[in-house]
Amino acid sequence: MGTFLGHFLPGLAFAILGVWHTLNTVRAYKLKGASGFRSATWFPFPSPLPGLRHLELYLLLSFSVLAIVDQLVDFPILALSLQPDSLEHATMYLHLSVYASVALAVDLTWRRDALGDVVAALAASVFGQELFLLRFHSADHAGLEGHYHWLLQLVVAASLVATAATAVLPRSFAVAVVRSASVLLQGMWFMVMGFALWVPALVPTGCHGVDQGSAAMQSAVACSTEDAARRAVVMANLQFSWALAAVWVVTAYLCLRVDCRCLEYRQLQPPAGDGGALIVDGDAPQKRVFPVAEQV
């Protein structure tokens, strides 16, 4: 992952996932209200094709497998790369693939009510293992890169706490929104790291990129003076604060603008004398029957 694309692509994926979760969380709350709302770790894709319902989980699983292969296989020579840092990165995606697989199996076997809490616990475990591996990363990032990784650990810790809290407080809209926003922030911070550490034109003033092939170097960026290093850290802190502000602007906008009528519903007229209307929720496979007022 020590490249621009190694941070930008996962960051973009997390950012899209965070926006998707925030959007659907707000929609679900506005549709069902405070009494009927329940947080979810994944959301069905609205499509007339039943096979696309689990698109989010399919994409997560595919992305995780491809990322694992990318970490463990050196493509120019098609040789296995079993360096500790590569194994650690691959293990992060392994936990994500386990979560996606279990969530998919639970939904396909219609056991969400019985095993929904297990899926929520697995979602929290993904962030827990990510935080664990980042905290004790064998690459032992130092200098400016180490500071960016320390800030990343704060974001992952927030995702862990918020995701664990949704398992305890599944009906809390605030907790669900914070969880979704933390995923978006994690994606944005990955992308910020990619630009700030691996794009030469964006490296802080007084600092420069270093040769990652050197075993002695543990940071992607080295600063020539102590003042330059302190200034680079200050800029990293400001970037983190700006990214957080941007996340909350996006989240607030979605909370204010999303209309629950965007959800797909269809009403099926009942047979004569049935006395009910069948409402099929586009977000859930269950069918719910509501009484229909008699026509005078």
Protein backbone atom coordinates (compact mmCIF):
# COMPACT_ATOMS: atom_id res chain seq x y z
CA MET A 1 0.00 0.00 0.00
CA GLY A 2 3.03 2.26 0.04
CA THR A 3 2.05 3.96 -3.22
CA PHE A 4 -0.33 6.65 -4.38
CA LEU A 5 -2.76 4.16 -5.93
CA GLY A 6 -2.39 1.88 -2.91
CA HIS A 7 -4.00 4.61 -0.82
CA PHE A 8 -6.19 6.39 -3.38
CA LEU A 9 -8.14 3.36 -4.65
CA PRO A 10 -9.03 1.92 -1.20
CA GLY A 11 -9.79 5.46 -0.04
CA LEU A 12 -12.15 6.05 -2.95
CA ALA A 13 -13.90 2.74 -2.23
CA PHE A 14 -14.36 3.61 1.46
CA ALA A 15 -15.57 7.11 0.60
CA ILE A 16 -18.20 5.79 -1.80
CA LEU A 17 -19.26 3.21 0.79
CA GLY A 18 -19.55 5.91 3.45
CA VAL A 19 -21.76 8.12 1.27
CA TRP A 20 -23.88 5.10 0.30
CA HIS A 21 -24.40 4.15 3.95
CA THR A 22 -25.16 7.71 5.04
CA LEU A 23 -27.68 8.14 2.23
CA ASN A 24 -29.51 4.91 3.06
CA THR A 25 -29.40 5.49 6.81
CA VAL A 26 -31.07 8.89 6.41
CA ARG A 27 -33.63 7.46 4.00
CA ALA A 28 -34.51 4.61 6.37
CA TYR A 29 -34.92 6.99 9.32
CA LYS A 30 -37.14 9.42 7.40
CA LEU A 31 -39.25 6.55 6.10
CA LYS A 32 -39.69 4.52 9.29
CA GLY A 33 -39.40 7.23 11.93
CA ALA A 34 -37.69 7.02 15.30
CA SER A 35 -39.84 4.12 16.49
CA GLY A 36 -39.31 1.89 13.45
CA PHE A 37 -35.71 2.74 12.58
CA ARG A 38 -33.02 0.08 12.93
CA SER A 39 -29.42 0.50 11.82
CA ALA A 40 -27.92 -1.85 9.25
CA THR A 41 -24.35 -2.81 8.35
CA TRP A 42 -25.18 -3.04 4.63
CA PHE A 43 -27.98 -1.91 2.35
CA PRO A 44 -29.76 -3.59 -0.58
CA PHE A 45 -29.18 -2.06 -3.99
CA PRO A 46 -32.43 -0.72 -5.48
CA SER A 47 -32.90 -2.58 -8.74
CA PRO A 48 -35.69 -4.46 -10.50
CA LEU A 49 -33.23 -7.35 -10.87
CA PRO A 50 -33.26 -9.54 -7.72
CA GLY A 51 -29.67 -10.58 -8.32
CA LEU A 52 -28.45 -7.01 -7.73
CA ARG A 53 -29.95 -6.78 -4.25
CA HIS A 54 -26.63 -7.87 -2.71
CA LEU A 55 -24.47 -5.70 -4.99
CA GLU A 56 -22.79 -3.96 -2.03
CA LEU A 57 -21.68 -7.27 -0.54
CA TYR A 58 -20.57 -8.64 -3.91
CA LEU A 59 -18.45 -5.55 -4.51
CA LEU A 60 -16.94 -5.68 -1.01
CA LEU A 61 -16.04 -9.34 -1.42
CA SER A 62 -14.59 -8.84 -4.91
CA PHE A 63 -12.60 -5.78 -3.86
CA SER A 64 -11.21 -7.61 -0.82
CA VAL A 65 -10.10 -10.65 -2.83
CA LEU A 66 -8.45 -8.49 -5.49
CA ALA A 67 -6.69 -6.43 -2.81
CA ILE A 68 -5.39 -9.59 -1.11
CA VAL A 69 -4.03 -10.88 -4.41
CA ASP A 70 -2.44 -7.49 -5.12
CA GLN A 71 -0.69 -7.55 -1.74
CA LEU A 72 0.58 -11.11 -1.95
CA VAL A 73 1.50 -11.43 -5.62
CA ASP A 74 4.29 -9.54 -7.34
CA PHE A 75 2.70 -9.25 -10.78
CA PRO A 76 5.74 -8.41 -12.93
CA ILE A 77 7.31 -11.73 -12.01
CA LEU A 78 4.20 -13.51 -10.66
CA ALA A 79 5.93 -14.41 -7.41
CA LEU A 80 4.50 -14.51 -3.90
CA SER A 81 5.37 -11.58 -1.67
CA LEU A 82 5.29 -12.78 1.92
CA GLN A 83 6.84 -9.74 3.54
CA PRO A 84 5.33 -8.92 6.97
CA ASP A 85 3.83 -5.61 5.84
CA SER A 86 2.22 -7.26 2.78
CA LEU A 87 0.75 -9.99 4.98
CA GLU A 88 -0.62 -7.37 7.39
CA HIS A 89 -2.29 -5.41 4.60
CA ALA A 90 -3.72 -8.60 3.13
CA THR A 91 -5.05 -9.64 6.54
CA MET A 92 -7.00 -6.38 6.84
CA TYR A 93 -8.80 -7.22 3.62
CA LEU A 94 -9.21 -10.84 4.76
CA HIS A 95 -11.41 -9.71 7.65
CA LEU A 96 -13.45 -7.55 5.28
CA SER A 97 -14.00 -10.53 2.97
CA VAL A 98 -15.06 -12.72 5.92
CA TYR A 99 -17.63 -10.11 6.96
CA ALA A 100 -19.01 -9.74 3.43
CA SER A 101 -19.23 -13.52 2.97
CA VAL A 102 -21.05 -14.09 6.27
CA ALA A 103 -23.44 -11.17 5.70
CA LEU A 104 -24.24 -12.53 2.24
CA ALA A 105 -24.80 -16.06 3.55
CA VAL A 106 -27.03 -14.84 6.38
CA ASP A 107 -29.24 -12.84 4.05
CA LEU A 108 -29.47 -15.55 1.39
CA THR A 109 -30.57 -18.10 3.99
CA TRP A 110 -33.16 -15.70 5.47
CA ARG A 111 -31.63 -15.79 8.95
CA ARG A 112 -31.24 -12.06 9.48
CA ASP A 113 -33.40 -11.97 12.60
CA ALA A 114 -31.44 -14.77 14.27
CA LEU A 115 -27.94 -13.86 13.09
CA GLY A 116 -28.17 -10.12 12.51
CA ASP A 117 -26.22 -9.41 15.71
CA VAL A 118 -23.43 -11.73 14.53
CA VAL A 119 -23.10 -9.74 11.30
CA ALA A 120 -22.95 -6.50 13.30
CA ALA A 121 -20.24 -7.98 15.53
CA LEU A 122 -18.25 -9.03 12.46
CA ALA A 123 -18.54 -5.51 11.04
CA ALA A 124 -17.07 -4.13 14.27
CA SER A 125 -14.37 -6.82 14.16
CA VAL A 126 -13.25 -5.58 10.72
CA PHE A 127 -12.39 -2.18 12.18
CA GLY A 128 -10.98 -3.73 15.34
CA GLN A 129 -8.51 -5.83 13.38
CA GLU A 130 -7.66 -2.90 11.12
CA LEU A 131 -6.85 -0.79 14.18
CA PHE A 132 -4.84 -3.62 15.75
CA LEU A 133 -2.74 -4.18 12.64
CA LEU A 134 -2.21 -0.46 12.06
CA ARG A 135 -1.15 0.04 15.67
CA PHE A 136 1.48 -2.69 15.50
CA HIS A 137 2.31 -2.35 11.79
CA SER A 138 5.66 -4.01 11.09
CA ALA A 139 6.63 -1.19 8.69
CA ASP A 140 6.83 1.02 11.82
CA HIS A 141 6.15 4.25 9.94
CA ALA A 142 8.15 7.18 11.27
CA GLY A 143 8.32 10.90 10.65
CA LEU A 144 5.55 12.61 8.71
CA GLU A 145 4.13 9.35 7.35
CA GLY A 146 3.94 8.03 10.90
CA HIS A 147 1.89 11.07 11.93
CA TYR A 148 -0.55 10.52 9.05
CA HIS A 149 -0.92 6.90 10.14
CA TRP A 150 -1.51 7.95 13.75
CA LEU A 151 -4.35 10.20 12.60
CA LEU A 152 -5.67 7.29 10.54
CA GLN A 153 -5.79 5.19 13.69
CA LEU A 154 -8.05 7.82 15.29
CA VAL A 155 -10.50 7.49 12.39
CA VAL A 156 -10.47 3.68 12.51
CA ALA A 157 -11.00 3.79 16.29
CA ALA A 158 -14.05 6.00 15.73
CA SER A 159 -15.39 3.51 13.17
CA LEU A 160 -14.82 0.66 15.63
CA VAL A 161 -16.61 2.38 18.51
CA ALA A 162 -19.53 3.56 16.36
CA THR A 163 -19.99 0.16 14.70
CA ALA A 164 -19.87 -1.64 18.05
CA ALA A 165 -22.38 0.88 19.41
CA THR A 166 -24.85 0.11 16.61
CA ALA A 167 -24.92 -3.49 17.82
CA VAL A 168 -25.85 -2.29 21.31
CA LEU A 169 -28.07 0.62 20.21
CA PRO A 170 -29.50 -0.56 16.87
CA ARG A 171 -32.34 1.98 16.97
CA SER A 172 -30.11 5.03 17.48
CA PHE A 173 -30.10 7.20 14.37
CA ALA A 174 -27.25 9.36 15.69
CA VAL A 175 -24.97 6.36 16.24
CA ALA A 176 -25.77 4.98 12.77
CA VAL A 177 -24.99 8.33 11.13
CA VAL A 178 -21.70 8.66 13.02
CA ARG A 179 -20.72 5.16 11.88
CA SER A 180 -21.44 5.98 8.25
CA ALA A 181 -19.64 9.33 8.50
CA SER A 182 -16.58 7.66 10.04
CA VAL A 183 -16.36 5.30 7.06
CA LEU A 184 -16.51 8.29 4.72
CA LEU A 185 -13.81 10.07 6.75
CA GLN A 186 -11.61 6.99 6.63
CA GLY A 187 -11.87 6.93 2.85
CA MET A 188 -11.14 10.63 2.53
CA TRP A 189 -8.11 10.36 4.81
CA PHE A 190 -6.69 7.47 2.80
CA MET A 191 -6.92 9.65 -0.30
CA VAL A 192 -5.39 12.64 1.48
CA MET A 193 -2.47 10.44 2.52
CA GLY A 194 -1.99 9.30 -1.06
CA PHE A 195 -1.81 12.85 -2.37
CA ALA A 196 0.21 14.35 0.48
CA LEU A 197 2.84 11.61 0.72
CA TRP A 198 3.20 10.23 -2.82
CA VAL A 199 2.54 13.17 -5.15
CA PRO A 200 5.83 15.14 -5.32
CA ALA A 201 4.14 18.45 -6.13
CA LEU A 202 2.02 18.19 -2.96
CA VAL A 203 4.78 17.20 -0.52
CA PRO A 204 5.05 19.90 2.22
CA THR A 205 7.53 22.72 1.73
CA GLY A 206 10.98 21.81 3.00
CA CYS A 207 10.31 18.07 2.65
CA HIS A 208 10.92 15.59 -0.14
CA GLY A 209 10.03 12.06 -1.11
CA VAL A 210 12.47 9.29 -0.29
CA ASP A 211 13.41 6.05 -1.99
CA GLN A 212 11.06 3.41 -0.62
CA GLY A 213 13.51 0.72 -1.71
CA SER A 214 15.87 1.73 1.03
CA ALA A 215 15.48 -0.47 4.09
CA ALA A 216 16.78 2.33 6.31
CA MET A 217 13.92 4.67 5.38
CA GLN A 218 10.68 4.18 7.27
CA SER A 219 8.82 7.21 5.90
CA ALA A 220 7.72 8.17 2.40
CA VAL A 221 8.68 11.79 3.12
CA ALA A 222 11.77 13.25 4.79
CA CYS A 223 12.08 16.86 5.95
CA SER A 224 15.38 18.72 5.72
CA THR A 225 15.00 20.77 8.91
CA GLU A 226 13.18 20.51 12.23
CA ASP A 227 11.11 23.58 11.40
CA ALA A 228 10.02 22.01 8.11
CA ALA A 229 9.05 18.82 9.94
CA ARG A 230 6.97 20.74 12.49
CA ARG A 231 5.26 22.73 9.75
CA ALA A 232 4.47 19.51 7.86
CA VAL A 233 2.86 18.03 10.99
CA VAL A 234 0.78 21.18 11.48
CA MET A 235 -0.40 20.96 7.87
CA ALA A 236 -1.34 17.31 8.38
CA ASN A 237 -3.42 18.28 11.42
CA LEU A 238 -5.15 21.02 9.42
CA GLN A 239 -5.86 18.61 6.56
CA PHE A 240 -7.41 16.19 9.04
CA SER A 241 -9.61 18.94 10.46
CA TRP A 242 -10.64 20.08 6.98
CA ALA A 243 -11.47 16.50 5.96
CA LEU A 244 -13.63 16.10 9.07
CA ALA A 245 -15.43 19.35 8.29
CA ALA A 246 -16.05 18.21 4.71
CA VAL A 247 -17.48 14.90 5.95
CA TRP A 248 -19.94 16.64 8.26
CA VAL A 249 -20.97 19.07 5.52
CA VAL A 250 -21.78 16.12 3.24
CA THR A 251 -23.56 14.30 6.08
CA ALA A 252 -25.61 17.35 7.06
CA TYR A 253 -26.54 17.98 3.43
CA LEU A 254 -27.79 14.41 3.03
CA CYS A 255 -29.75 14.63 6.30
CA LEU A 256 -31.45 17.83 5.14
CA ARG A 257 -32.04 17.02 1.48
CA VAL A 258 -32.72 13.30 1.21
CA ASP A 259 -36.38 12.53 0.64
CA CYS A 260 -37.71 9.13 1.66
CA ARG A 261 -39.86 9.17 -1.46
CA CYS A 262 -36.69 8.34 -3.39
CA LEU A 263 -37.13 4.77 -2.18
CA GLU A 264 -38.77 2.39 -4.55
CA TYR A 265 -42.20 1.06 -3.61
CA ARG A 266 -44.93 -0.59 -5.50
CA GLN A 267 -48.51 -1.17 -4.40
CA LEU A 268 -50.30 -4.30 -5.47
CA GLN A 269 -54.05 -4.21 -5.54
CA PRO A 270 -55.56 -7.11 -3.56
CA PRO A 271 -58.11 -9.48 -4.99
CA ALA A 272 -61.73 -8.43 -4.65
CA GLY A 273 -62.96 -8.85 -1.10
CA ASP A 274 -59.48 -9.23 0.34
CA GLY A 275 -59.74 -5.95 2.23
CA GLY A 276 -56.04 -5.21 2.24
CA ALA A 277 -53.28 -3.60 0.25
CA LEU A 278 -49.94 -5.30 -0.19
CA ILE A 279 -47.00 -2.92 0.15
CA VAL A 280 -43.61 -4.21 -0.93
CA ASP A 281 -40.74 -2.27 0.60
CA GLY A 282 -37.86 -1.76 -1.82
CA ASP A 283 -35.35 -1.97 1.02
CA ALA A 284 -36.61 -5.18 2.58
CA PRO A 285 -37.85 -8.46 1.17
CA GLN A 286 -40.65 -8.86 3.70
CA LYS A 287 -44.19 -8.21 2.57
CA ARG A 288 -46.37 -6.17 4.86
CA VAL A 289 -50.15 -5.98 4.66
CA PHE A 290 -51.88 -2.76 5.66
CA PRO A 291 -55.68 -2.37 5.92
CA VAL A 292 -57.41 -0.37 3.22
CA ALA A 293 -60.23 1.98 4.15
CA GLU A 294 -63.59 1.02 2.75
CA GLN A 295 -64.83 3.07 -0.11
CA VAL A 296 -68.20 4.69 0.42
